[in-house]
C-alpha atoms as a PDB file:
ATOM      1  CA  MET A   1    -140.784-147.988 -31.710  1.00  0.00           C
ATOM      2  CA  THR A   2    -142.999-150.483 -33.214  1.00  0.00           C
ATOM      3  CA  ALA A   3    -144.875-150.160 -36.515  1.00  0.00           C
ATOM      4  CA  THR A   4    -148.133-149.685 -34.681  1.00  0.00           C
ATOM      5  CA  GLN A   5    -146.685-146.742 -32.576  1.00  0.00           C
ATOM      6  CA  THR A   6    -145.310-145.279 -35.598  1.00  0.00           C
ATOM      7  CA  ALA A   7    -148.588-145.603 -37.395  1.00  0.00           C
ATOM      8  CA  THR A   8    -150.186-143.899 -34.240  1.00  0.00           C
ATOM      9  CA  GLN A   9    -147.854-140.953 -34.322  1.00  0.00           C
ATOM     10  CA  THR A  10    -148.624-140.472 -38.075  1.00  0.00           C
ATOM     11  CA  GLN A  11    -152.411-140.678 -37.525  1.00  0.00           C
ATOM     12  CA  GLN A  12    -152.009-138.032 -34.610  1.00  0.00           C
ATOM     13  CA  ALA A  13    -149.930-135.755 -36.861  1.00  0.00           C
ATOM     14  CA  SER A  14    -151.862-136.029 -40.048  1.00  0.00           C
ATOM     15  CA  GLY A  15    -152.516-133.242 -42.248  1.00  0.00           C
ATOM     16  CA  VAL A  16    -150.285-130.056 -42.868  1.00  0.00           C
ATOM     17  CA  TRP A  17    -148.010-128.216 -40.368  1.00  0.00           C
ATOM     18  CA  THR A  18    -146.670-124.739 -41.026  1.00  0.00           C
ATOM     19  CA  ILE A  19    -143.839-123.016 -39.572  1.00  0.00           C
ATOM     20  CA  ASP A  20    -143.811-120.999 -36.357  1.00  0.00           C
ATOM     21  CA  LYS A  21    -141.407-118.284 -37.539  1.00  0.00           C
ATOM     22  CA  VAL A  22    -140.576-117.301 -34.149  1.00  0.00           C
ATOM     23  CA  HIS A  23    -139.222-120.726 -32.914  1.00  0.00           C
ATOM     24  CA  SER A  24    -137.568-121.697 -36.008  1.00  0.00           C
ATOM     25  CA  SER A  25    -134.244-121.533 -37.446  1.00  0.00           C
ATOM     26  CA  VAL A  26    -131.752-122.520 -40.287  1.00  0.00           C
ATOM     27  CA  ARG A  27    -127.920-122.061 -39.017  1.00  0.00           C
ATOM     28  CA  TYR A  28    -124.824-122.835 -41.009  1.00  0.00           C
ATOM     29  CA  GLU A  29    -121.293-123.463 -39.948  1.00  0.00           C
ATOM     30  CA  ILE A  30    -118.038-123.324 -42.082  1.00  0.00           C
ATOM     31  CA  GLU A  31    -114.373-123.377 -41.365  1.00  0.00           C
ATOM     32  CA  HIS A  32    -112.889-119.856 -41.262  1.00  0.00           C
ATOM     33  CA  ASN A  33    -109.393-118.768 -41.625  1.00  0.00           C
ATOM     34  CA  GLY A  34    -108.233-122.480 -41.481  1.00  0.00           C
ATOM     35  CA  THR A  35    -108.479-122.373 -37.716  1.00  0.00           C
ATOM     36  CA  ALA A  36    -112.057-121.724 -36.538  1.00  0.00           C
ATOM     37  CA  GLN A  37    -115.810-122.386 -37.290  1.00  0.00           C
ATOM     38  CA  TYR A  38    -118.049-119.462 -38.441  1.00  0.00           C
ATOM     39  CA  ARG A  39    -121.593-119.918 -37.337  1.00  0.00           C
ATOM     40  CA  GLY A  40    -124.362-117.771 -39.045  1.00  0.00           C
ATOM     41  CA  SER A  41    -128.143-118.176 -39.627  1.00  0.00           C
ATOM     42  CA  PHE A  42    -131.071-116.840 -41.849  1.00  0.00           C
ATOM     43  CA  ASN A  43    -133.883-115.065 -40.546  1.00  0.00           C
ATOM     44  CA  ASP A  44    -136.741-115.655 -43.200  1.00  0.00           C
ATOM     45  CA  VAL A  45    -137.401-119.083 -43.272  1.00  0.00           C
ATOM     46  CA  ASP A  46    -140.518-121.011 -44.436  1.00  0.00           C
ATOM     47  CA  ALA A  47    -141.293-124.625 -44.331  1.00  0.00           C
ATOM     48  CA  SER A  48    -144.256-127.203 -44.162  1.00  0.00           C
ATOM     49  CA  LEU A  49    -144.819-131.042 -43.119  1.00  0.00           C
ATOM     50  CA  GLU A  50    -147.517-132.823 -44.668  1.00  0.00           C
ATOM     51  CA  TYR A  51    -148.830-136.121 -43.544  1.00  0.00           C
ATOM     52  CA  GLY A  52    -151.089-137.277 -46.444  1.00  0.00           C
ATOM     53  CA  ASP A  53    -152.022-140.648 -47.721  1.00  0.00           C
ATOM     54  CA  ASP A  54    -149.037-140.986 -49.999  1.00  0.00           C
ATOM     55  CA  GLY A  55    -146.827-140.367 -47.155  1.00  0.00           C
ATOM     56  CA  VAL A  56    -144.820-137.749 -45.516  1.00  0.00           C
ATOM     57  CA  LYS A  57    -143.508-134.509 -47.249  1.00  0.00           C
ATOM     58  CA  ILE A  58    -141.202-131.623 -46.244  1.00  0.00           C
ATOM     59  CA  LYS A  59    -140.743-128.419 -47.958  1.00  0.00           C
ATOM     60  CA  GLY A  60    -138.502-125.511 -46.914  1.00  0.00           C
ATOM     61  CA  SER A  61    -137.072-122.358 -48.309  1.00  0.00           C
ATOM     62  CA  VAL A  62    -134.824-119.585 -46.872  1.00  0.00           C
ATOM     63  CA  LYS A  63    -134.496-115.947 -48.428  1.00  0.00           C
ATOM     64  CA  LEU A  64    -130.775-115.530 -48.914  1.00  0.00           C
ATOM     65  CA  ASP A  65    -130.816-111.700 -48.505  1.00  0.00           C
ATOM     66  CA  SER A  66    -131.908-112.703 -44.635  1.00  0.00           C
ATOM     67  CA  VAL A  67    -128.344-113.858 -43.874  1.00  0.00           C
ATOM     68  CA  ASP A  68    -127.556-112.761 -40.532  1.00  0.00           C
ATOM     69  CA  LEU A  69    -124.067-111.025 -40.782  1.00  0.00           C
ATOM     70  CA  LYS A  70    -122.863-108.433 -38.436  1.00  0.00           C
ATOM     71  CA  ASP A  71    -120.824-106.552 -40.968  1.00  0.00           C
ATOM     72  CA  GLU A  72    -122.725-104.840 -43.995  1.00  0.00           C
ATOM     73  CA  GLN A  73    -119.879-104.824 -46.180  1.00  0.00           C
ATOM     74  CA  GLN A  74    -119.349-109.073 -45.694  1.00  0.00           C
ATOM     75  CA  LYS A  75    -123.000-109.302 -46.344  1.00  0.00           C
ATOM     76  CA  GLY A  76    -122.979-107.561 -49.500  1.00  0.00           C
ATOM     77  CA  HIS A  77    -120.042-109.699 -50.582  1.00  0.00           C
ATOM     78  CA  VAL A  78    -121.734-113.052 -49.363  1.00  0.00           C
ATOM     79  CA  LEU A  79    -125.126-111.789 -51.630  1.00  0.00           C
ATOM     80  CA  SER A  80    -123.119-111.144 -54.692  1.00  0.00           C
ATOM     81  CA  PRO A  81    -122.222-113.444 -57.419  1.00  0.00           C
ATOM     82  CA  ASP A  82    -119.157-114.405 -55.720  1.00  0.00           C
ATOM     83  CA  PHE A  83    -121.204-116.301 -53.228  1.00  0.00           C
ATOM     84  CA  PHE A  84    -125.158-116.688 -53.231  1.00  0.00           C
ATOM     85  CA  ASP A  85    -125.749-114.091 -56.312  1.00  0.00           C
ATOM     86  CA  ALA A  86    -129.026-113.560 -54.328  1.00  0.00           C
ATOM     87  CA  GLU A  87    -130.288-110.945 -56.883  1.00  0.00           C
ATOM     88  CA  ARG A  88    -130.616-113.732 -59.675  1.00  0.00           C
ATOM     89  CA  TYR A  89    -131.263-116.484 -57.012  1.00  0.00           C
ATOM     90  CA  PRO A  90    -133.185-114.929 -54.078  1.00  0.00           C
ATOM     91  CA  THR A  91    -133.941-118.241 -52.137  1.00  0.00           C
ATOM     92  CA  ALA A  92    -132.636-121.680 -51.530  1.00  0.00           C
ATOM     93  CA  GLU A  93    -135.316-124.336 -51.397  1.00  0.00           C
ATOM     94  CA  PHE A  94    -135.700-127.826 -50.249  1.00  0.00           C
ATOM     95  CA  GLU A  95    -138.004-130.236 -51.214  1.00  0.00           C
ATOM     96  CA  SER A  96    -138.430-134.040 -50.111  1.00  0.00           C
ATOM     97  CA  THR A  97    -138.610-136.998 -52.390  1.00  0.00           C
ATOM     98  CA  SER A  98    -138.874-139.766 -49.806  1.00  0.00           C
ATOM     99  CA  ILE A  99    -138.859-139.878 -45.903  1.00  0.00           C
ATOM    100  CA  GLN A 100    -138.182-142.891 -43.693  1.00  0.00           C
ATOM    101  CA  LEU A 101    -139.433-142.711 -40.300  1.00  0.00           C
ATOM    102  CA  ASP A 102    -138.345-144.998 -37.591  1.00  0.00           C
ATOM    103  CA  GLY A 103    -140.043-143.784 -34.608  1.00  0.00           C
ATOM    104  CA  THR A 104    -138.885-140.174 -34.037  1.00  0.00           C
ATOM    105  CA  ASP A 105    -135.572-140.652 -36.145  1.00  0.00           C
ATOM    106  CA  VAL A 106    -136.034-139.635 -39.748  1.00  0.00           C
ATOM    107  CA  VAL A 107    -134.184-139.908 -43.080  1.00  0.00           C
ATOM    108  CA  VAL A 108    -135.219-137.076 -45.575  1.00  0.00           C
ATOM    109  CA  ASP A 109    -134.058-137.713 -48.985  1.00  0.00           C
ATOM    110  CA  GLY A 110    -134.818-134.686 -51.447  1.00  0.00           C
ATOM    111  CA  ILE A 111    -133.508-132.035 -53.897  1.00  0.00           C
ATOM    112  CA  LEU A 112    -131.589-128.811 -52.561  1.00  0.00           C
ATOM    113  CA  THR A 113    -131.806-125.917 -54.929  1.00  0.00           C
ATOM    114  CA  LEU A 114    -129.260-123.166 -54.465  1.00  0.00           C
ATOM    115  CA  ARG A 115    -127.685-120.654 -56.913  1.00  0.00           C
ATOM    116  CA  GLY A 116    -129.842-122.315 -59.511  1.00  0.00           C
ATOM    117  CA  GLN A 117    -128.198-125.743 -58.904  1.00  0.00           C
ATOM    118  CA  SER A 118    -130.417-128.538 -57.902  1.00  0.00           C
ATOM    119  CA  LYS A 119    -128.783-131.569 -56.378  1.00  0.00           C
ATOM    120  CA  PRO A 120    -129.962-134.656 -54.275  1.00  0.00           C
ATOM    121  CA  LEU A 121    -129.399-134.441 -50.596  1.00  0.00           C
ATOM    122  CA  SER A 122    -130.220-136.674 -47.798  1.00  0.00           C
ATOM    123  CA  ILE A 123    -130.807-135.193 -44.252  1.00  0.00           C
ATOM    124  CA  ARG A 124    -130.883-136.980 -40.929  1.00  0.00           C
ATOM    125  CA  GLY A 125    -132.650-135.962 -37.910  1.00  0.00           C
ATOM    126  CA  SER A 126    -135.805-136.418 -36.038  1.00  0.00           C
ATOM    127  CA  ILE A 127    -139.607-135.444 -36.299  1.00  0.00           C
ATOM    128  CA  GLY A 128    -141.205-135.316 -32.539  1.00  0.00           C
ATOM    129  CA  GLU A 129    -144.686-136.256 -31.702  1.00  0.00           C
ATOM    130  CA  SER A 130    -147.280-133.773 -31.878  1.00  0.00           C
ATOM    131  CA  GLY A 131    -148.341-131.749 -28.428  1.00  0.00           C
ATOM    132  CA  PRO A 132    -150.160-128.759 -27.412  1.00  0.00           C
ATOM    133  CA  ASN A 133    -147.912-125.441 -26.634  1.00  0.00           C
ATOM    134  CA  LEU A 134    -148.557-123.091 -24.125  1.00  0.00           C
ATOM    135  CA  GLY A 135    -151.466-121.337 -26.022  1.00  0.00           C
ATOM    136  CA  GLY A 136    -153.093-124.958 -26.631  1.00  0.00           C
ATOM    137  CA  THR A 137    -152.225-125.173 -30.368  1.00  0.00           C
ATOM    138  CA  GLU A 138    -150.805-128.478 -31.446  1.00  0.00           C
ATOM    139  CA  THR A 139    -147.111-128.172 -32.363  1.00  0.00           C
ATOM    140  CA  ILE A 140    -144.729-130.636 -33.772  1.00  0.00           C
ATOM    141  CA  ALA A 141    -140.563-130.348 -33.679  1.00  0.00           C
ATOM    142  CA  VAL A 142    -138.363-131.234 -36.671  1.00  0.00           C
ATOM    143  CA  HIS A 143    -134.628-131.165 -36.223  1.00  0.00           C
ATOM    144  CA  LEU A 144    -132.532-131.818 -39.295  1.00  0.00           C
ATOM    145  CA  ALA A 145    -128.958-131.605 -39.951  1.00  0.00           C
ATOM    146  CA  THR A 146    -126.543-132.218 -43.005  1.00  0.00           C
ATOM    147  CA  THR A 147    -123.296-131.325 -44.685  1.00  0.00           C
ATOM    148  CA  ILE A 148    -122.865-130.020 -48.224  1.00  0.00           C
ATOM    149  CA  ASN A 149    -119.978-129.149 -50.379  1.00  0.00           C
ATOM    150  CA  ARG A 150    -120.557-125.576 -51.418  1.00  0.00           C
ATOM    151  CA  HIS A 151    -118.748-126.070 -54.638  1.00  0.00           C
ATOM    152  CA  ASP A 152    -121.471-128.437 -55.741  1.00  0.00           C
ATOM    153  CA  TYR A 153    -123.907-125.360 -55.863  1.00  0.00           C
ATOM    154  CA  GLY A 154    -121.524-123.076 -57.441  1.00  0.00           C
ATOM    155  CA  VAL A 155    -120.479-121.281 -54.236  1.00  0.00           C
ATOM    156  CA  SER A 156    -116.863-121.483 -54.935  1.00  0.00           C
ATOM    157  CA  TRP A 157    -115.064-117.948 -53.958  1.00  0.00           C
ATOM    158  CA  ASN A 158    -112.088-118.396 -51.767  1.00  0.00           C
ATOM    159  CA  THR A 159    -108.723-116.831 -51.285  1.00  0.00           C
ATOM    160  CA  GLN A 160    -105.463-117.880 -49.675  1.00  0.00           C
ATOM    161  CA  LEU A 161    -103.911-116.806 -46.604  1.00  0.00           C
ATOM    162  CA  PRO A 162    -100.301-115.924 -46.083  1.00  0.00           C
ATOM    163  CA  ASN A 163     -99.667-119.551 -44.402  1.00  0.00           C
ATOM    164  CA  GLY A 164    -101.077-121.140 -47.508  1.00  0.00           C
ATOM    165  CA  SER A 165    -104.544-122.391 -46.063  1.00  0.00           C
ATOM    166  CA  ASN A 166    -107.924-121.013 -47.607  1.00  0.00           C
ATOM    167  CA  VAL A 167    -110.028-118.261 -46.020  1.00  0.00           C
ATOM    168  CA  LEU A 168    -113.116-120.605 -46.228  1.00  0.00           C
ATOM    169  CA  GLY A 169    -113.354-124.381 -45.964  1.00  0.00           C
ATOM    170  CA  ASP A 170    -115.403-126.619 -48.550  1.00  0.00           C
ATOM    171  CA  GLU A 171    -117.917-128.144 -46.237  1.00  0.00           C
ATOM    172  CA  VAL A 172    -120.909-126.359 -44.815  1.00  0.00           C
ATOM    173  CA  ALA A 173    -122.783-127.778 -41.876  1.00  0.00           C
ATOM    174  CA  ILE A 174    -126.532-126.998 -42.031  1.00  0.00           C
ATOM    175  CA  GLU A 175    -128.722-127.345 -39.076  1.00  0.00           C
ATOM    176  CA  VAL A 176    -132.683-126.850 -39.431  1.00  0.00           C
ATOM    177  CA  VAL A 177    -134.782-126.519 -36.000  1.00  0.00           C
ATOM    178  CA  LEU A 178    -138.478-126.282 -36.976  1.00  0.00           C
ATOM    179  CA  GLU A 179    -141.529-125.665 -34.694  1.00  0.00           C
ATOM    180  CA  LEU A 180    -144.495-126.235 -36.646  1.00  0.00           C
ATOM    181  CA  VAL A 181    -148.133-125.732 -36.057  1.00  0.00           C
ATOM    182  CA  GLN A 182    -151.242-127.617 -37.441  1.00  0.00           C
ATOM    183  CA  GLY A 183    -153.483-125.717 -39.769  1.00  0.00           C
END
């Protein structure tokens, strides 16, 4: 895409875009029992995308107690100080510090705050062109993915299995799929 097309896309998408919670998600994946990938998601997600005179900005957060786990005992453990410590740190938050657009491809650098730890993070993905949804409201899609080391954020609980491997892996893949509406 040429610089003119990128400028046109930015002009079409100008202003503030807010999350359509029904059509957006934050999912994660982590190695479990040394053999499988465990996938989960968060049900309470907030995000915004802003095209302004000083560039493009993305902000987002998840309420940690909205983690979707099928077992209440497991959910209680994940929300405890062993993992998220959600009573003291109820949200995980991300705010961009710079965004490089190349057509619809995007690299977002920013700060992820989880469990009171704020660390720089780079995320790759795409920001689509704006267009009307079925009801005629202008929408824009954002798809981002990254991997973090959970220990960087103090989420370090683990235990060994009889074969010597750990119950949980260190790396957590994160995927953010947003549908945003202008307004």
